[in-house]
């Protein structure tokens, strides 16, 4: 079985999936916002 991955950032997704996923995890309290928010901003 072959696996094909596509980068959908700024195409089907309106943003960067890494940034959006971290935003979601911070909103749910899974990631510490104080620690990850600055790092997440650097990825944008």
PDB file of N, CA and C in Angstrom:
ATOM      1  N   UNK A   1       0.850  -1.173   0.000  1.00  0.00           N
ATOM      2  CA  UNK A   1       0.000   0.000   0.000  1.00  0.00           C
ATOM      3  C   UNK A   1       0.899   1.240   0.000  1.00  0.00           C
ATOM      4  N   UNK A   2       0.575   2.186  -0.844  1.00  0.00           N
ATOM      5  CA  UNK A   2       1.321   3.444  -0.915  1.00  0.00           C
ATOM      6  C   UNK A   2       0.574   4.521  -0.145  1.00  0.00           C
ATOM      7  N   UNK A   3       1.323   5.401   0.455  1.00  0.00           N
ATOM      8  CA  UNK A   3       0.757   6.526   1.198  1.00  0.00           C
ATOM      9  C   UNK A   3       1.251   7.818   0.561  1.00  0.00           C
ATOM     10  N   UNK A   4       0.332   8.695   0.262  1.00  0.00           N
ATOM     11  CA  UNK A   4       0.672   9.991  -0.308  1.00  0.00           C
ATOM     12  C   UNK A   4       0.180  11.081   0.630  1.00  0.00           C
ATOM     13  N   UNK A   5       1.055  12.011   0.974  1.00  0.00           N
ATOM     14  CA  UNK A   5       0.710  13.123   1.853  1.00  0.00           C
ATOM     15  C   UNK A   5       0.794  14.430   1.075  1.00  0.00           C
ATOM     16  N   UNK A   6      -0.129  15.303   1.343  1.00  0.00           N
ATOM     17  CA  UNK A   6      -0.154  16.605   0.695  1.00  0.00           C
ATOM     18  C   UNK A   6      -0.122  17.691   1.757  1.00  0.00           C
ATOM     19  N   UNK A   7       0.580  18.749   1.465  1.00  0.00           N
ATOM     20  CA  UNK A   7       0.604  19.918   2.337  1.00  0.00           C
ATOM     21  C   UNK A   7      -0.549  20.823   1.914  1.00  0.00           C
ATOM     22  N   UNK A   8      -1.567  20.930   2.755  1.00  0.00           N
ATOM     23  CA  UNK A   8      -2.766  21.688   2.416  1.00  0.00           C
ATOM     24  C   UNK A   8      -2.772  23.088   3.016  1.00  0.00           C
ATOM     25  N   UNK A   9      -1.649  23.491   3.602  1.00  0.00           N
ATOM     26  CA  UNK A   9      -1.571  24.819   4.209  1.00  0.00           C
ATOM     27  C   UNK A   9      -1.837  25.899   3.172  1.00  0.00           C
ATOM     28  N   UNK A  10      -2.702  26.814   3.539  1.00  0.00           N
ATOM     29  CA  UNK A  10      -3.060  27.971   2.710  1.00  0.00           C
ATOM     30  C   UNK A  10      -3.680  27.572   1.366  1.00  0.00           C
ATOM     31  N   UNK A  11      -4.214  26.339   1.283  1.00  0.00           N
ATOM     32  CA  UNK A  11      -4.967  25.918   0.096  1.00  0.00           C
ATOM     33  C   UNK A  11      -6.367  25.539   0.565  1.00  0.00           C
ATOM     34  N   UNK A  12      -6.552  24.281   0.960  1.00  0.00           N
ATOM     35  CA  UNK A  12      -7.841  23.864   1.523  1.00  0.00           C
ATOM     36  C   UNK A  12      -8.004  24.344   2.956  1.00  0.00           C
ATOM     37  N   UNK A  13      -6.882  24.549   3.636  1.00  0.00           N
ATOM     38  CA  UNK A  13      -6.896  25.079   5.000  1.00  0.00           C
ATOM     39  C   UNK A  13      -6.540  26.558   4.939  1.00  0.00           C
ATOM     40  N   UNK A  14      -7.269  27.353   5.672  1.00  0.00           N
ATOM     41  CA  UNK A  14      -6.966  28.796   5.662  1.00  0.00           C
ATOM     42  C   UNK A  14      -5.957  29.121   6.757  1.00  0.00           C
ATOM     43  N   UNK A  15      -4.747  28.642   6.587  1.00  0.00           N
ATOM     44  CA  UNK A  15      -3.686  28.887   7.550  1.00  0.00           C
ATOM     45  C   UNK A  15      -2.680  27.760   7.533  1.00  0.00           C
ATOM     46  N   UNK A  16      -1.754  27.799   8.461  1.00  0.00           N
ATOM     47  CA  UNK A  16      -0.724  26.784   8.603  1.00  0.00           C
ATOM     48  C   UNK A  16      -1.226  25.723   9.572  1.00  0.00           C
ATOM     49  N   UNK A  17      -1.250  24.473   9.142  1.00  0.00           N
ATOM     50  CA  UNK A  17      -1.825  23.411   9.974  1.00  0.00           C
ATOM     51  C   UNK A  17      -1.079  23.244  11.298  1.00  0.00           C
ATOM     52  N   UNK A  18       0.248  23.435  11.308  1.00  0.00           N
ATOM     53  CA  UNK A  18       1.012  23.334  12.562  1.00  0.00           C
ATOM     54  C   UNK A  18       0.551  24.387  13.563  1.00  0.00           C
ATOM     55  N   UNK A  19       0.401  25.611  13.090  1.00  0.00           N
ATOM     56  CA  UNK A  19      -0.023  26.716  13.948  1.00  0.00           C
ATOM     57  C   UNK A  19      -1.463  26.502  14.416  1.00  0.00           C
ATOM     58  N   UNK A  20      -2.335  26.110  13.491  1.00  0.00           N
ATOM     59  CA  UNK A  20      -3.740  25.883  13.846  1.00  0.00           C
ATOM     60  C   UNK A  20      -3.884  24.753  14.860  1.00  0.00           C
ATOM     61  N   UNK A  21      -3.113  23.681  14.699  1.00  0.00           N
ATOM     62  CA  UNK A  21      -3.190  22.546  15.622  1.00  0.00           C
ATOM     63  C   UNK A  21      -2.718  22.965  17.015  1.00  0.00           C
ATOM     64  N   UNK A  22      -1.622  23.711  17.093  1.00  0.00           N
ATOM     65  CA  UNK A  22      -1.134  24.178  18.394  1.00  0.00           C
ATOM     66  C   UNK A  22      -2.126  25.148  19.032  1.00  0.00           C
ATOM     67  N   UNK A  23      -2.746  26.019  18.230  1.00  0.00           N
ATOM     68  CA  UNK A  23      -3.783  26.918  18.758  1.00  0.00           C
ATOM     69  C   UNK A  23      -4.921  26.116  19.377  1.00  0.00           C
ATOM     70  N   UNK A  24      -5.349  25.066  18.692  1.00  0.00           N
ATOM     71  CA  UNK A  24      -6.423  24.206  19.187  1.00  0.00           C
ATOM     72  C   UNK A  24      -6.021  23.541  20.504  1.00  0.00           C
ATOM     73  N   UNK A  25      -4.810  22.986  20.551  1.00  0.00           N
ATOM     74  CA  UNK A  25      -4.351  22.306  21.764  1.00  0.00           C
ATOM     75  C   UNK A  25      -4.195  23.272  22.933  1.00  0.00           C
ATOM     76  N   UNK A  26      -3.770  24.501  22.667  1.00  0.00           N
ATOM     77  CA  UNK A  26      -3.676  25.501  23.733  1.00  0.00           C
ATOM     78  C   UNK A  26      -5.067  25.884  24.225  1.00  0.00           C
ATOM     79  N   UNK A  27      -6.022  26.020  23.314  1.00  0.00           N
ATOM     80  CA  UNK A  27      -7.396  26.374  23.697  1.00  0.00           C
ATOM     81  C   UNK A  27      -8.029  25.282  24.551  1.00  0.00           C
ATOM     82  N   UNK A  28      -7.657  24.024  24.304  1.00  0.00           N
ATOM     83  CA  UNK A  28      -8.193  22.895  25.073  1.00  0.00           C
ATOM     84  C   UNK A  28      -7.426  22.658  26.369  1.00  0.00           C
ATOM     85  N   UNK A  29      -6.331  23.390  26.575  1.00  0.00           N
ATOM     86  CA  UNK A  29      -5.545  23.242  27.790  1.00  0.00           C
ATOM     87  C   UNK A  29      -4.556  22.093  27.753  1.00  0.00           C
ATOM     88  N   UNK A  30      -4.359  21.497  26.584  1.00  0.00           N
ATOM     89  CA  UNK A  30      -3.409  20.394  26.448  1.00  0.00           C
ATOM     90  C   UNK A  30      -1.976  20.920  26.467  1.00  0.00           C
ATOM     91  N   UNK A  31      -1.763  22.064  25.830  1.00  0.00           N
ATOM     92  CA  UNK A  31      -0.454  22.715  25.832  1.00  0.00           C
ATOM     93  C   UNK A  31      -0.510  23.962  26.698  1.00  0.00           C
ATOM     94  N   UNK A  32       0.585  24.235  27.375  1.00  0.00           N
ATOM     95  CA  UNK A  32       0.699  25.428  28.207  1.00  0.00           C
ATOM     96  C   UNK A  32       0.841  26.658  27.311  1.00  0.00           C
ATOM     97  N   UNK A  33      -0.175  27.527  27.341  1.00  0.00           N
ATOM     98  CA  UNK A  33      -0.212  28.699  26.457  1.00  0.00           C
ATOM     99  C   UNK A  33       0.992  29.618  26.686  1.00  0.00           C
ATOM    100  N   UNK A  34       1.389  29.799  27.934  1.00  0.00           N
ATOM    101  CA  UNK A  34       2.511  30.691  28.242  1.00  0.00           C
ATOM    102  C   UNK A  34       3.797  30.206  27.571  1.00  0.00           C
ATOM    103  N   UNK A  35       3.973  28.909  27.526  1.00  0.00           N
ATOM    104  CA  UNK A  35       5.191  28.326  26.954  1.00  0.00           C
ATOM    105  C   UNK A  35       5.118  28.218  25.429  1.00  0.00           C
ATOM    106  N   UNK A  36       3.977  27.776  24.898  1.00  0.00           N
ATOM    107  CA  UNK A  36       3.891  27.467  23.475  1.00  0.00           C
ATOM    108  C   UNK A  36       3.458  28.632  22.591  1.00  0.00           C
ATOM    109  N   UNK A  37       2.744  29.619  23.113  1.00  0.00           N
ATOM    110  CA  UNK A  37       2.263  30.729  22.278  1.00  0.00           C
ATOM    111  C   UNK A  37       3.408  31.479  21.585  1.00  0.00           C
ATOM    112  N   UNK A  38       4.487  31.828  22.294  1.00  0.00           N
ATOM    113  CA  UNK A  38       5.584  32.518  21.601  1.00  0.00           C
ATOM    114  C   UNK A  38       6.236  31.647  20.520  1.00  0.00           C
ATOM    115  N   UNK A  39       6.382  30.360  20.798  1.00  0.00           N
ATOM    116  CA  UNK A  39       6.976  29.450  19.814  1.00  0.00           C
ATOM    117  C   UNK A  39       6.051  29.286  18.618  1.00  0.00           C
ATOM    118  N   UNK A  40       4.758  29.253  18.880  1.00  0.00           N
ATOM    119  CA  UNK A  40       3.774  29.119  17.815  1.00  0.00           C
ATOM    120  C   UNK A  40       3.785  30.365  16.924  1.00  0.00           C
ATOM    121  N   UNK A  41       3.928  31.533  17.526  1.00  0.00           N
ATOM    122  CA  UNK A  41       3.978  32.783  16.760  1.00  0.00           C
ATOM    123  C   UNK A  41       5.211  32.819  15.855  1.00  0.00           C
ATOM    124  N   UNK A  42       6.306  32.226  16.311  1.00  0.00           N
ATOM    125  CA  UNK A  42       7.526  32.180  15.498  1.00  0.00           C
ATOM    126  C   UNK A  42       7.356  31.314  14.253  1.00  0.00           C
ATOM    127  N   UNK A  43       6.431  30.367  14.290  1.00  0.00           N
ATOM    128  CA  UNK A  43       6.216  29.468  13.151  1.00  0.00           C
ATOM    129  C   UNK A  43       5.367  30.109  12.064  1.00  0.00           C
ATOM    130  N   UNK A  44       4.686  31.202  12.369  1.00  0.00           N
ATOM    131  CA  UNK A  44       3.812  31.838  11.378  1.00  0.00           C
ATOM    132  C   UNK A  44       4.597  32.584  10.342  1.00  0.00           C
TER     133      UNK A  44
END
